[in-house]
Amino acid sequence: MRRLLDARIERFPVRGAFTISRGAKTHVDVVVAQISDGDHVGRGEGTAIYYKGDSAELALAAITGCADAIAAGASRADLLALLPAGAARNALDCALWDLEAKQSGQRVWQRLGLPLPQPMLTAYTISLGEIDAMVAAATAARGRELLKIKLGSSEGPDGDVARMAAIHRAAPDARLIVDANEAWGGTDVERTLARLAPLGVELVEQPVPVGRDAELAGVRAAVPICADESCQDRASLDAIVGRYSFINIKLDKAGGLTEALALRHAAATRGLGVMTGCMLCTSLAIAPAFMVAMQGLFADLDGPLLIEDRPHGLRFAGSDVFAPEAVLWG
């Protein structure tokens, strides 16, 4: 039987508000691809990357435009040529991984030759806001082992350091990572990192805007720097070597699990550490990201905790996320 493709946009409300330096969100629209061979159904989910000009509507159109190719048997390798990296290719690629797992009777982790998945420590995100609000959120999250703090306040790095000092006092036992969301361009990043190190910060994501990564050349980083927006897929790796020591792999940026796995391998050969992250998304998108995170040093897979998740979602307990069940994906 020819494979059938179905795709749709689904909307999920955000719990409270999700705020970064670029603005706040009250909901997330995700695109879902479903591929059936008549006996089995594979599903995948993508979240459009707004700063790249993508949208759920554009992603949906791109997916439906591939219906004939999917029906004719297009493979995951074929998708790399059919579509650019982004939410559409991610949803289709992960749907094919899910379909192949169901057809073979093997879980995706088995097909990748990975060990039995174990519960994984994931960061929990504290949105950008006024100091008092961020301290209250960090206090409410006490007991979580790893907090990811969104920075990029209007007061600049001084305001961000003040926020981190207050959060460190409010949650002294938590490990801390920071996401500056490109907000420290044109500032003394080396000085800011030196001020964050005594506060227990272990990693700082994307301190400068994309295209201005040269500002990090020669920086003596008291805290390791991780490329997020500056690292999309394998093609962007060579430009960041020597300026960043980690990369943040997100399946929506890479355009699917297939490219994300290749990116992780390519990063390792260049001596770069890996964080596995996510956009705002449901458990259906986190499930394949879990396969990459099993092979990295940091995981930021809390997307489903920040929204009203879908049925059969991932299990979160304490600071850990558990591997997906087959009823969800893979």
C-alpha atoms as a PDB file:
ATOM      1  CA  MET A   1       0.000   0.000   0.000  1.00  0.00           C
ATOM      2  CA  ARG A   2       1.192   3.523  -0.760  1.00  0.00           C
ATOM      3  CA  ARG A   3       1.946   5.503   2.366  1.00  0.00           C
ATOM      4  CA  LEU A   4      -0.553   8.174   3.329  1.00  0.00           C
ATOM      5  CA  LEU A   5       0.425  11.519   4.857  1.00  0.00           C
ATOM      6  CA  ASP A   6      -1.782  13.581   7.125  1.00  0.00           C
ATOM      7  CA  ALA A   7      -0.686  16.865   8.721  1.00  0.00           C
ATOM      8  CA  ARG A   8      -2.276  19.472  10.939  1.00  0.00           C
ATOM      9  CA  ILE A   9      -1.571  22.358  13.306  1.00  0.00           C
ATOM     10  CA  GLU A  10      -2.317  21.872  16.986  1.00  0.00           C
ATOM     11  CA  ARG A  11      -2.383  24.622  19.634  1.00  0.00           C
ATOM     12  CA  PHE A  12      -1.340  24.152  23.261  1.00  0.00           C
ATOM     13  CA  PRO A  13      -1.680  26.813  26.002  1.00  0.00           C
ATOM     14  CA  VAL A  14       1.387  27.868  27.955  1.00  0.00           C
ATOM     15  CA  ARG A  15       1.228  27.393  31.712  1.00  0.00           C
ATOM     16  CA  GLY A  16       1.395  30.969  33.005  1.00  0.00           C
ATOM     17  CA  ALA A  17       3.760  32.826  30.668  1.00  0.00           C
ATOM     18  CA  PHE A  18       6.986  31.983  28.871  1.00  0.00           C
ATOM     19  CA  THR A  19       9.193  35.067  28.524  1.00  0.00           C
ATOM     20  CA  ILE A  20      12.626  35.554  26.958  1.00  0.00           C
ATOM     21  CA  SER A  21      14.471  38.645  25.772  1.00  0.00           C
ATOM     22  CA  ARG A  22      12.465  38.642  22.512  1.00  0.00           C
ATOM     23  CA  GLY A  23       9.004  38.605  24.129  1.00  0.00           C
ATOM     24  CA  ALA A  24       6.353  36.479  25.833  1.00  0.00           C
ATOM     25  CA  LYS A  25       4.167  33.593  24.612  1.00  0.00           C
ATOM     26  CA  THR A  26       0.785  32.441  25.896  1.00  0.00           C
ATOM     27  CA  HIS A  27       0.437  29.440  23.578  1.00  0.00           C
ATOM     28  CA  VAL A  28       2.405  27.410  21.066  1.00  0.00           C
ATOM     29  CA  ASP A  29       1.242  26.152  17.672  1.00  0.00           C
ATOM     30  CA  VAL A  30       2.941  22.926  16.611  1.00  0.00           C
ATOM     31  CA  VAL A  31       2.704  21.062  13.335  1.00  0.00           C
ATOM     32  CA  VAL A  32       2.104  17.303  13.444  1.00  0.00           C
ATOM     33  CA  ALA A  33       2.866  14.897  10.606  1.00  0.00           C
ATOM     34  CA  GLN A  34       1.309  11.438  10.544  1.00  0.00           C
ATOM     35  CA  ILE A  35       2.433   8.766   8.059  1.00  0.00           C
ATOM     36  CA  SER A  36       0.518   5.512   7.642  1.00  0.00           C
ATOM     37  CA  ASP A  37       1.420   2.385   5.680  1.00  0.00           C
ATOM     38  CA  GLY A  38      -2.024   0.863   6.256  1.00  0.00           C
ATOM     39  CA  ASP A  39      -0.908  -1.223   9.229  1.00  0.00           C
ATOM     40  CA  HIS A  40       1.236   1.189  11.227  1.00  0.00           C
ATOM     41  CA  VAL A  41       1.199   4.919  11.908  1.00  0.00           C
ATOM     42  CA  GLY A  42       4.215   7.089  12.658  1.00  0.00           C
ATOM     43  CA  ARG A  43       3.961  10.581  14.136  1.00  0.00           C
ATOM     44  CA  GLY A  44       6.277  13.533  14.428  1.00  0.00           C
ATOM     45  CA  GLU A  45       5.959  17.090  15.731  1.00  0.00           C
ATOM     46  CA  GLY A  46       7.722  20.348  14.900  1.00  0.00           C
ATOM     47  CA  THR A  47       7.680  23.863  16.315  1.00  0.00           C
ATOM     48  CA  ALA A  48       8.399  26.660  13.855  1.00  0.00           C
ATOM     49  CA  ILE A  49      11.485  28.725  14.682  1.00  0.00           C
ATOM     50  CA  TYR A  50      10.101  32.234  14.698  1.00  0.00           C
ATOM     51  CA  TYR A  51      13.465  34.021  14.557  1.00  0.00           C
ATOM     52  CA  LYS A  52      14.128  32.269  11.228  1.00  0.00           C
ATOM     53  CA  GLY A  53      10.879  33.555   9.752  1.00  0.00           C
ATOM     54  CA  ASP A  54       9.116  30.194   9.943  1.00  0.00           C
ATOM     55  CA  SER A  55       5.527  29.671  11.103  1.00  0.00           C
ATOM     56  CA  ALA A  56       3.219  26.755  11.766  1.00  0.00           C
ATOM     57  CA  GLU A  57       1.283  27.631   8.615  1.00  0.00           C
ATOM     58  CA  LEU A  58       4.411  27.647   6.437  1.00  0.00           C
ATOM     59  CA  ALA A  59       5.567  24.372   7.981  1.00  0.00           C
ATOM     60  CA  LEU A  60       2.188  22.768   7.336  1.00  0.00           C
ATOM     61  CA  ALA A  61       2.292  23.856   3.696  1.00  0.00           C
ATOM     62  CA  ALA A  62       5.806  22.436   3.315  1.00  0.00           C
ATOM     63  CA  ILE A  63       4.732  19.099   4.789  1.00  0.00           C
ATOM     64  CA  THR A  64       1.639  18.743   2.606  1.00  0.00           C
ATOM     65  CA  GLY A  65       3.786  19.610  -0.392  1.00  0.00           C
ATOM     66  CA  CYS A  66       5.719  16.401   0.270  1.00  0.00           C
ATOM     67  CA  ALA A  67       2.642  14.143   0.207  1.00  0.00           C
ATOM     68  CA  ASP A  68       3.424  12.631  -3.195  1.00  0.00           C
ATOM     69  CA  ALA A  69       7.068  12.004  -2.286  1.00  0.00           C
ATOM     70  CA  ILE A  70       6.087  10.350   0.996  1.00  0.00           C
ATOM     71  CA  ALA A  71       3.491   8.218  -0.789  1.00  0.00           C
ATOM     72  CA  ALA A  72       6.152   7.138  -3.265  1.00  0.00           C
ATOM     73  CA  GLY A  73       8.431   5.980  -0.445  1.00  0.00           C
ATOM     74  CA  ALA A  74      10.703   8.955   0.270  1.00  0.00           C
ATOM     75  CA  SER A  75      13.247   8.036   2.944  1.00  0.00           C
ATOM     76  CA  ARG A  76      14.713  10.070   5.769  1.00  0.00           C
ATOM     77  CA  ALA A  77      17.783  10.593   3.593  1.00  0.00           C
ATOM     78  CA  ASP A  78      15.560  11.871   0.790  1.00  0.00           C
ATOM     79  CA  LEU A  79      14.058  14.458   3.146  1.00  0.00           C
ATOM     80  CA  LEU A  80      17.454  16.106   3.541  1.00  0.00           C
ATOM     81  CA  ALA A  81      17.231  17.099  -0.124  1.00  0.00           C
ATOM     82  CA  LEU A  82      13.483  17.665  -0.297  1.00  0.00           C
ATOM     83  CA  LEU A  83      13.222  20.216   2.531  1.00  0.00           C
ATOM     84  CA  PRO A  84      15.452  22.726   4.307  1.00  0.00           C
ATOM     85  CA  ALA A  85      16.109  22.318   8.024  1.00  0.00           C
ATOM     86  CA  GLY A  86      13.137  23.388  10.108  1.00  0.00           C
ATOM     87  CA  ALA A  87       9.910  22.306  11.745  1.00  0.00           C
ATOM     88  CA  ALA A  88       8.433  20.690   8.613  1.00  0.00           C
ATOM     89  CA  ARG A  89      11.377  18.400   7.995  1.00  0.00           C
ATOM     90  CA  ASN A  90      11.622  17.635  11.704  1.00  0.00           C
ATOM     91  CA  ALA A  91       8.000  16.506  11.882  1.00  0.00           C
ATOM     92  CA  LEU A  92       8.325  14.320   8.786  1.00  0.00           C
ATOM     93  CA  ASP A  93      11.695  12.860   9.774  1.00  0.00           C
ATOM     94  CA  CYS A  94      10.492  11.920  13.256  1.00  0.00           C
ATOM     95  CA  ALA A  95       7.276  10.456  11.830  1.00  0.00           C
ATOM     96  CA  LEU A  96       9.382   8.192   9.611  1.00  0.00           C
ATOM     97  CA  TRP A  97      11.549   7.128  12.572  1.00  0.00           C
ATOM     98  CA  ASP A  98       8.364   6.280  14.495  1.00  0.00           C
ATOM     99  CA  LEU A  99       6.906   4.388  11.541  1.00  0.00           C
ATOM    100  CA  GLU A 100      10.111   2.397  11.029  1.00  0.00           C
ATOM    101  CA  ALA A 101      10.189   1.456  14.713  1.00  0.00           C
ATOM    102  CA  LYS A 102       6.624   0.164  14.571  1.00  0.00           C
ATOM    103  CA  GLN A 103       7.271  -1.720  11.324  1.00  0.00           C
ATOM    104  CA  SER A 104      10.403  -3.386  12.719  1.00  0.00           C
ATOM    105  CA  GLY A 105       9.065  -4.099  16.190  1.00  0.00           C
ATOM    106  CA  GLN A 106      12.136  -2.420  17.666  1.00  0.00           C
ATOM    107  CA  ARG A 107      12.286   0.783  19.677  1.00  0.00           C
ATOM    108  CA  VAL A 108      14.272   3.647  18.173  1.00  0.00           C
ATOM    109  CA  TRP A 109      16.914   3.414  20.874  1.00  0.00           C
ATOM    110  CA  GLN A 110      17.451  -0.217  19.918  1.00  0.00           C
ATOM    111  CA  ARG A 111      17.741   0.669  16.235  1.00  0.00           C
ATOM    112  CA  LEU A 112      20.398   3.233  17.159  1.00  0.00           C
ATOM    113  CA  GLY A 113      22.359   0.709  19.245  1.00  0.00           C
ATOM    114  CA  LEU A 114      21.889   2.745  22.422  1.00  0.00           C
ATOM    115  CA  PRO A 115      21.645   1.234  25.910  1.00  0.00           C
ATOM    116  CA  LEU A 116      18.352   0.872  27.731  1.00  0.00           C
ATOM    117  CA  PRO A 117      17.211   4.460  28.427  1.00  0.00           C
ATOM    118  CA  GLN A 118      17.351   5.630  32.021  1.00  0.00           C
ATOM    119  CA  PRO A 119      15.661   8.624  33.659  1.00  0.00           C
ATOM    120  CA  MET A 120      17.538  11.762  32.618  1.00  0.00           C
ATOM    121  CA  LEU A 121      18.230  14.991  34.460  1.00  0.00           C
ATOM    122  CA  THR A 122      16.646  17.898  32.608  1.00  0.00           C
ATOM    123  CA  ALA A 123      16.896  21.608  33.168  1.00  0.00           C
ATOM    124  CA  TYR A 124      13.814  23.516  34.277  1.00  0.00           C
ATOM    125  CA  THR A 125      13.352  26.965  32.755  1.00  0.00           C
ATOM    126  CA  ILE A 126      12.873  30.201  34.697  1.00  0.00           C
ATOM    127  CA  SER A 127      11.501  32.885  32.372  1.00  0.00           C
ATOM    128  CA  LEU A 128      12.933  36.389  32.134  1.00  0.00           C
ATOM    129  CA  GLY A 129      11.194  38.952  34.315  1.00  0.00           C
ATOM    130  CA  GLU A 130      11.677  41.387  37.155  1.00  0.00           C
ATOM    131  CA  ILE A 131      14.063  40.179  39.843  1.00  0.00           C
ATOM    132  CA  ASP A 132      11.309  39.547  42.404  1.00  0.00           C
ATOM    133  CA  ALA A 133       9.292  37.461  39.950  1.00  0.00           C
ATOM    134  CA  MET A 134      12.319  35.402  38.917  1.00  0.00           C
ATOM    135  CA  VAL A 135      13.308  34.839  42.544  1.00  0.00           C
ATOM    136  CA  ALA A 136       9.761  33.693  43.331  1.00  0.00           C
ATOM    137  CA  ALA A 137       9.872  31.262  40.407  1.00  0.00           C
ATOM    138  CA  ALA A 138      13.263  29.910  41.471  1.00  0.00           C
ATOM    139  CA  THR A 139      12.027  29.541  45.048  1.00  0.00           C
ATOM    140  CA  ALA A 140       8.987  27.630  43.832  1.00  0.00           C
ATOM    141  CA  ALA A 141      11.347  25.367  41.856  1.00  0.00           C
ATOM    142  CA  ARG A 142      13.570  24.568  44.842  1.00  0.00           C
ATOM    143  CA  GLY A 143      14.340  20.878  44.827  1.00  0.00           C
ATOM    144  CA  ARG A 144      14.924  20.861  41.082  1.00  0.00           C
ATOM    145  CA  GLU A 145      18.555  20.030  40.503  1.00  0.00           C
ATOM    146  CA  LEU A 146      19.204  22.057  37.341  1.00  0.00           C
ATOM    147  CA  LEU A 147      17.667  25.455  36.547  1.00  0.00           C
ATOM    148  CA  LYS A 148      17.972  27.238  33.207  1.00  0.00           C
ATOM    149  CA  ILE A 149      17.633  30.990  33.632  1.00  0.00           C
ATOM    150  CA  LYS A 150      16.464  33.162  30.747  1.00  0.00           C
ATOM    151  CA  LEU A 151      18.353  36.467  30.746  1.00  0.00           C
ATOM    152  CA  GLY A 152      18.686  39.496  28.459  1.00  0.00           C
ATOM    153  CA  SER A 153      17.080  42.178  30.630  1.00  0.00           C
ATOM    154  CA  SER A 154      16.748  45.808  29.562  1.00  0.00           C
ATOM    155  CA  GLU A 155      19.355  46.714  32.210  1.00  0.00           C
ATOM    156  CA  GLY A 156      22.002  44.771  30.290  1.00  0.00           C
ATOM    157  CA  PRO A 157      24.587  42.397  31.781  1.00  0.00           C
ATOM    158  CA  ASP A 158      24.618  44.241  35.121  1.00  0.00           C
ATOM    159  CA  GLY A 159      20.911  43.565  35.516  1.00  0.00           C
ATOM    160  CA  ASP A 160      21.389  39.962  34.460  1.00  0.00           C
ATOM    161  CA  VAL A 161      24.166  39.396  37.006  1.00  0.00           C
ATOM    162  CA  ALA A 162      21.948  40.919  39.703  1.00  0.00           C
ATOM    163  CA  ARG A 163      19.195  38.483  38.762  1.00  0.00           C
ATOM    164  CA  MET A 164      21.565  35.536  38.947  1.00  0.00           C
ATOM    165  CA  ALA A 165      22.918  36.606  42.340  1.00  0.00           C
ATOM    166  CA  ALA A 166      19.370  36.799  43.702  1.00  0.00           C
ATOM    167  CA  ILE A 167      18.397  33.450  42.175  1.00  0.00           C
ATOM    168  CA  HIS A 168      21.536  31.807  43.559  1.00  0.00           C
ATOM    169  CA  ARG A 169      20.559  33.007  47.026  1.00  0.00           C
ATOM    170  CA  ALA A 170      16.987  31.776  46.569  1.00  0.00           C
ATOM    171  CA  ALA A 171      18.017  28.314  45.278  1.00  0.00           C
ATOM    172  CA  PRO A 172      21.536  27.757  46.653  1.00  0.00           C
ATOM    173  CA  ASP A 173      21.557  24.013  45.991  1.00  0.00           C
ATOM    174  CA  ALA A 174      20.513  24.214  42.342  1.00  0.00           C
ATOM    175  CA  ARG A 175      22.915  23.875  39.452  1.00  0.00           C
ATOM    176  CA  LEU A 176      22.500  26.834  37.105  1.00  0.00           C
ATOM    177  CA  ILE A 177      22.763  27.392  33.379  1.00  0.00           C
ATOM    178  CA  VAL A 178      22.007  30.672  31.634  1.00  0.00           C
ATOM    179  CA  ASP A 179      20.497  31.582  28.264  1.00  0.00           C
ATOM    180  CA  ALA A 180      21.332  35.153  27.273  1.00  0.00           C
ATOM    181  CA  ASN A 181      19.379  34.884  23.975  1.00  0.00           C
ATOM    182  CA  GLU A 182      21.885  37.012  22.010  1.00  0.00           C
ATOM    183  CA  ALA A 183      21.458  39.987  24.379  1.00  0.00           C
ATOM    184  CA  TRP A 184      25.094  40.739  25.324  1.00  0.00           C
ATOM    185  CA  GLY A 185      26.433  41.831  21.958  1.00  0.00           C
ATOM    186  CA  GLY A 186      28.825  44.770  22.190  1.00  0.00           C
ATOM    187  CA  THR A 187      29.450  44.241  25.902  1.00  0.00           C
ATOM    188  CA  ASP A 188      32.365  42.842  27.900  1.00  0.00           C
ATOM    189  CA  VAL A 189      31.314  39.199  27.801  1.00  0.00           C
ATOM    190  CA  GLU A 190      34.520  38.039  29.481  1.00  0.00           C
ATOM    191  CA  ARG A 191      33.808  40.266  32.493  1.00  0.00           C
ATOM    192  CA  THR A 192      30.205  39.096  32.717  1.00  0.00           C
ATOM    193  CA  LEU A 193      31.250  35.436  32.649  1.00  0.00           C
ATOM    194  CA  ALA A 194      33.790  36.081  35.392  1.00  0.00           C
ATOM    195  CA  ARG A 195      31.026  37.593  37.544  1.00  0.00           C
ATOM    196  CA  LEU A 196      28.705  34.647  36.912  1.00  0.00           C
ATOM    197  CA  ALA A 197      31.233  31.921  37.717  1.00  0.00           C
ATOM    198  CA  PRO A 198      31.175  32.461  41.519  1.00  0.00           C
ATOM    199  CA  LEU A 199      27.372  32.160  41.415  1.00  0.00           C
ATOM    200  CA  GLY A 200      27.638  28.532  40.321  1.00  0.00           C
ATOM    201  CA  VAL A 201      26.707  29.075  36.674  1.00  0.00           C
ATOM    202  CA  GLU A 202      27.930  26.078  34.650  1.00  0.00           C
ATOM    203  CA  LEU A 203      27.067  27.117  31.090  1.00  0.00           C
ATOM    204  CA  VAL A 204      26.041  30.278  29.220  1.00  0.00           C
ATOM    205  CA  GLU A 205      24.093  30.019  25.963  1.00  0.00           C
ATOM    206  CA  GLN A 206      24.390  32.433  23.056  1.00  0.00           C
ATOM    207  CA  PRO A 207      25.653  35.652  24.656  1.00  0.00           C
ATOM    208  CA  VAL A 208      26.021  37.516  21.340  1.00  0.00           C
ATOM    209  CA  PRO A 209      23.781  37.809  18.253  1.00  0.00           C
ATOM    210  CA  VAL A 210      24.124  35.448  15.318  1.00  0.00           C
ATOM    211  CA  GLY A 211      26.643  36.856  12.881  1.00  0.00           C
ATOM    212  CA  ARG A 212      28.609  38.597  15.618  1.00  0.00           C
ATOM    213  CA  ASP A 213      30.295  35.489  16.999  1.00  0.00           C
ATOM    214  CA  ALA A 214      33.690  37.075  16.307  1.00  0.00           C
ATOM    215  CA  GLU A 215      33.100  39.133  19.451  1.00  0.00           C
ATOM    216  CA  LEU A 216      33.872  35.930  21.370  1.00  0.00           C
ATOM    217  CA  ALA A 217      37.287  35.436  19.765  1.00  0.00           C
ATOM    218  CA  GLY A 218      39.957  35.541  22.441  1.00  0.00           C
ATOM    219  CA  VAL A 219      37.473  35.625  25.318  1.00  0.00           C
ATOM    220  CA  ARG A 220      38.836  33.823  28.360  1.00  0.00           C
ATOM    221  CA  ALA A 221      35.619  32.181  29.423  1.00  0.00           C
ATOM    222  CA  ALA A 222      35.273  31.596  33.162  1.00  0.00           C
ATOM    223  CA  VAL A 223      32.046  29.772  32.272  1.00  0.00           C
ATOM    224  CA  PRO A 224      31.784  27.599  29.125  1.00  0.00           C
ATOM    225  CA  ILE A 225      29.894  29.222  26.240  1.00  0.00           C
ATOM    226  CA  CYS A 226      27.272  27.284  24.272  1.00  0.00           C
ATOM    227  CA  ALA A 227      26.133  28.135  20.739  1.00  0.00           C
ATOM    228  CA  ASP A 228      22.376  28.006  20.215  1.00  0.00           C
ATOM    229  CA  GLU A 229      21.177  30.292  17.423  1.00  0.00           C
ATOM    230  CA  SER A 230      24.712  30.261  15.971  1.00  0.00           C
ATOM    231  CA  CYS A 231      24.613  26.470  15.536  1.00  0.00           C
ATOM    232  CA  GLN A 232      21.786  25.171  13.403  1.00  0.00           C
ATOM    233  CA  ASP A 233      23.178  22.046  11.709  1.00  0.00           C
ATOM    234  CA  ARG A 234      26.476  20.547  10.561  1.00  0.00           C
ATOM    235  CA  ALA A 235      27.099  23.348   8.063  1.00  0.00           C
ATOM    236  CA  SER A 236      27.440  25.882  10.899  1.00  0.00           C
ATOM    237  CA  LEU A 237      29.968  23.971  13.002  1.00  0.00           C
ATOM    238  CA  ASP A 238      33.271  25.145  11.565  1.00  0.00           C
ATOM    239  CA  ALA A 239      32.421  28.827  12.103  1.00  0.00           C
ATOM    240  CA  ILE A 240      31.945  28.400  15.845  1.00  0.00           C
ATOM    241  CA  VAL A 241      34.978  26.263  16.717  1.00  0.00           C
ATOM    242  CA  GLY A 242      37.292  28.276  18.970  1.00  0.00           C
ATOM    243  CA  ARG A 243      34.507  30.641  20.025  1.00  0.00           C
ATOM    244  CA  TYR A 244      32.150  28.208  21.727  1.00  0.00           C
ATOM    245  CA  SER A 245      32.870  25.016  23.637  1.00  0.00           C
ATOM    246  CA  PHE A 246      29.316  23.582  23.549  1.00  0.00           C
ATOM    247  CA  ILE A 247      26.460  23.512  21.081  1.00  0.00           C
ATOM    248  CA  ASN A 248      22.728  23.290  21.748  1.00  0.00           C
ATOM    249  CA  ILE A 249      21.139  20.732  19.418  1.00  0.00           C
ATOM    250  CA  LYS A 250      17.444  21.237  18.784  1.00  0.00           C
ATOM    251  CA  LEU A 251      15.631  18.979  16.367  1.00  0.00           C
ATOM    252  CA  ASP A 252      13.636  21.867  14.911  1.00  0.00           C
ATOM    253  CA  LYS A 253      16.860  23.716  14.091  1.00  0.00           C
ATOM    254  CA  ALA A 254      18.545  20.622  12.661  1.00  0.00           C
ATOM    255  CA  GLY A 255      15.452  19.533  10.773  1.00  0.00           C
ATOM    256  CA  GLY A 256      14.898  16.170  12.414  1.00  0.00           C
ATOM    257  CA  LEU A 257      16.454  13.379  14.423  1.00  0.00           C
ATOM    258  CA  THR A 258      18.515  12.182  11.450  1.00  0.00           C
ATOM    259  CA  GLU A 259      20.451  15.452  11.102  1.00  0.00           C
ATOM    260  CA  ALA A 260      20.573  15.948  14.882  1.00  0.00           C
ATOM    261  CA  LEU A 261      22.359  12.617  15.333  1.00  0.00           C
ATOM    262  CA  ALA A 262      24.816  13.495  12.568  1.00  0.00           C
ATOM    263  CA  LEU A 263      25.388  16.904  14.164  1.00  0.00           C
ATOM    264  CA  ARG A 264      26.106  15.336  17.544  1.00  0.00           C
ATOM    265  CA  HIS A 265      28.719  13.075  15.980  1.00  0.00           C
ATOM    266  CA  ALA A 266      30.303  15.916  14.019  1.00  0.00           C
ATOM    267  CA  ALA A 267      30.448  18.069  17.155  1.00  0.00           C
ATOM    268  CA  ALA A 268      32.187  15.305  19.088  1.00  0.00           C
ATOM    269  CA  THR A 269      34.874  14.994  16.416  1.00  0.00           C
ATOM    270  CA  ARG A 270      35.581  18.721  16.884  1.00  0.00           C
ATOM    271  CA  GLY A 271      35.792  18.491  20.662  1.00  0.00           C
ATOM    272  CA  LEU A 272      32.524  20.326  21.265  1.00  0.00           C
ATOM    273  CA  GLY A 273      30.232  19.362  24.126  1.00  0.00           C
ATOM    274  CA  VAL A 274      26.506  18.916  23.525  1.00  0.00           C
ATOM    275  CA  MET A 275      23.401  20.205  25.191  1.00  0.00           C
ATOM    276  CA  THR A 276      20.122  18.890  23.800  1.00  0.00           C
ATOM    277  CA  GLY A 277      17.395  21.515  23.905  1.00  0.00           C
ATOM    278  CA  CYS A 278      13.895  22.104  22.656  1.00  0.00           C
ATOM    279  CA  MET A 279      11.436  24.726  21.546  1.00  0.00           C
ATOM    280  CA  LEU A 280       8.100  25.098  23.292  1.00  0.00           C
ATOM    281  CA  CYS A 281       6.561  21.747  22.377  1.00  0.00           C
ATOM    282  CA  THR A 282       4.733  18.675  23.602  1.00  0.00           C
ATOM    283  CA  SER A 283       6.105  15.302  24.619  1.00  0.00           C
ATOM    284  CA  LEU A 284       5.784  14.097  21.029  1.00  0.00           C
ATOM    285  CA  ALA A 285       8.673  16.402  20.086  1.00  0.00           C
ATOM    286  CA  ILE A 286      10.733  15.643  23.195  1.00  0.00           C
ATOM    287  CA  ALA A 287      10.593  11.863  22.638  1.00  0.00           C
ATOM    288  CA  PRO A 288      13.041  11.846  19.680  1.00  0.00           C
ATOM    289  CA  ALA A 289      15.158  14.566  21.296  1.00  0.00           C
ATOM    290  CA  PHE A 290      15.632  12.159  24.223  1.00  0.00           C
ATOM    291  CA  MET A 291      17.620   9.891  21.859  1.00  0.00           C
ATOM    292  CA  VAL A 292      20.118  12.690  21.221  1.00  0.00           C
ATOM    293  CA  ALA A 293      20.205  13.791  24.860  1.00  0.00           C
ATOM    294  CA  MET A 294      21.242  10.281  25.886  1.00  0.00           C
ATOM    295  CA  GLN A 295      24.524  11.040  24.118  1.00  0.00           C
ATOM    296  CA  GLY A 296      25.159  14.549  25.498  1.00  0.00           C
ATOM    297  CA  LEU A 297      26.217  16.280  28.706  1.00  0.00           C
ATOM    298  CA  PHE A 298      23.261  18.623  29.336  1.00  0.00           C
ATOM    299  CA  ALA A 299      19.560  18.169  28.623  1.00  0.00           C
ATOM    300  CA  ASP A 300      16.985  20.941  28.475  1.00  0.00           C
ATOM    301  CA  LEU A 301      13.861  18.970  27.687  1.00  0.00           C
ATOM    302  CA  ASP A 302      11.269  20.669  29.855  1.00  0.00           C
ATOM    303  CA  GLY A 303       9.036  21.917  27.019  1.00  0.00           C
ATOM    304  CA  PRO A 304       6.039  19.771  28.076  1.00  0.00           C
ATOM    305  CA  LEU A 305       6.243  21.125  31.634  1.00  0.00           C
ATOM    306  CA  LEU A 306       5.730  24.665  30.349  1.00  0.00           C
ATOM    307  CA  ILE A 307       2.504  23.932  28.427  1.00  0.00           C
ATOM    308  CA  GLU A 308      -0.653  21.845  28.688  1.00  0.00           C
ATOM    309  CA  ASP A 309       0.802  18.600  27.296  1.00  0.00           C
ATOM    310  CA  ARG A 310      -0.870  16.011  25.062  1.00  0.00           C
ATOM    311  CA  PRO A 311      -2.187  12.596  26.268  1.00  0.00           C
ATOM    312  CA  HIS A 312       0.358   9.816  26.895  1.00  0.00           C
ATOM    313  CA  GLY A 313       3.023  12.473  27.503  1.00  0.00           C
ATOM    314  CA  LEU A 314       6.425  11.854  28.986  1.00  0.00           C
ATOM    315  CA  ARG A 315       6.735  11.167  32.670  1.00  0.00           C
ATOM    316  CA  PHE A 316       8.542  13.794  34.720  1.00  0.00           C
ATOM    317  CA  ALA A 317       9.473  13.084  38.334  1.00  0.00           C
ATOM    318  CA  GLY A 318      11.556  15.429  40.465  1.00  0.00           C
ATOM    319  CA  SER A 319      14.310  16.718  38.194  1.00  0.00           C
ATOM    320  CA  ASP A 320      14.164  13.779  35.779  1.00  0.00           C
ATOM    321  CA  VAL A 321      12.400  13.018  32.524  1.00  0.00           C
ATOM    322  CA  PHE A 322      11.733   9.387  31.613  1.00  0.00           C
ATOM    323  CA  ALA A 323      12.097   7.790  28.197  1.00  0.00           C
ATOM    324  CA  PRO A 324       8.999   7.746  25.972  1.00  0.00           C
ATOM    325  CA  GLU A 325       6.655   4.797  25.913  1.00  0.00           C
ATOM    326  CA  ALA A 326       5.905   3.218  22.531  1.00  0.00           C
ATOM    327  CA  VAL A 327       2.330   4.502  22.642  1.00  0.00           C
ATOM    328  CA  LEU A 328       3.720   8.036  22.345  1.00  0.00           C
ATOM    329  CA  TRP A 329       6.620   7.617  19.909  1.00  0.00           C
ATOM    330  CA  GLY A 330       9.400   5.333  18.780  1.00  0.00           C
END
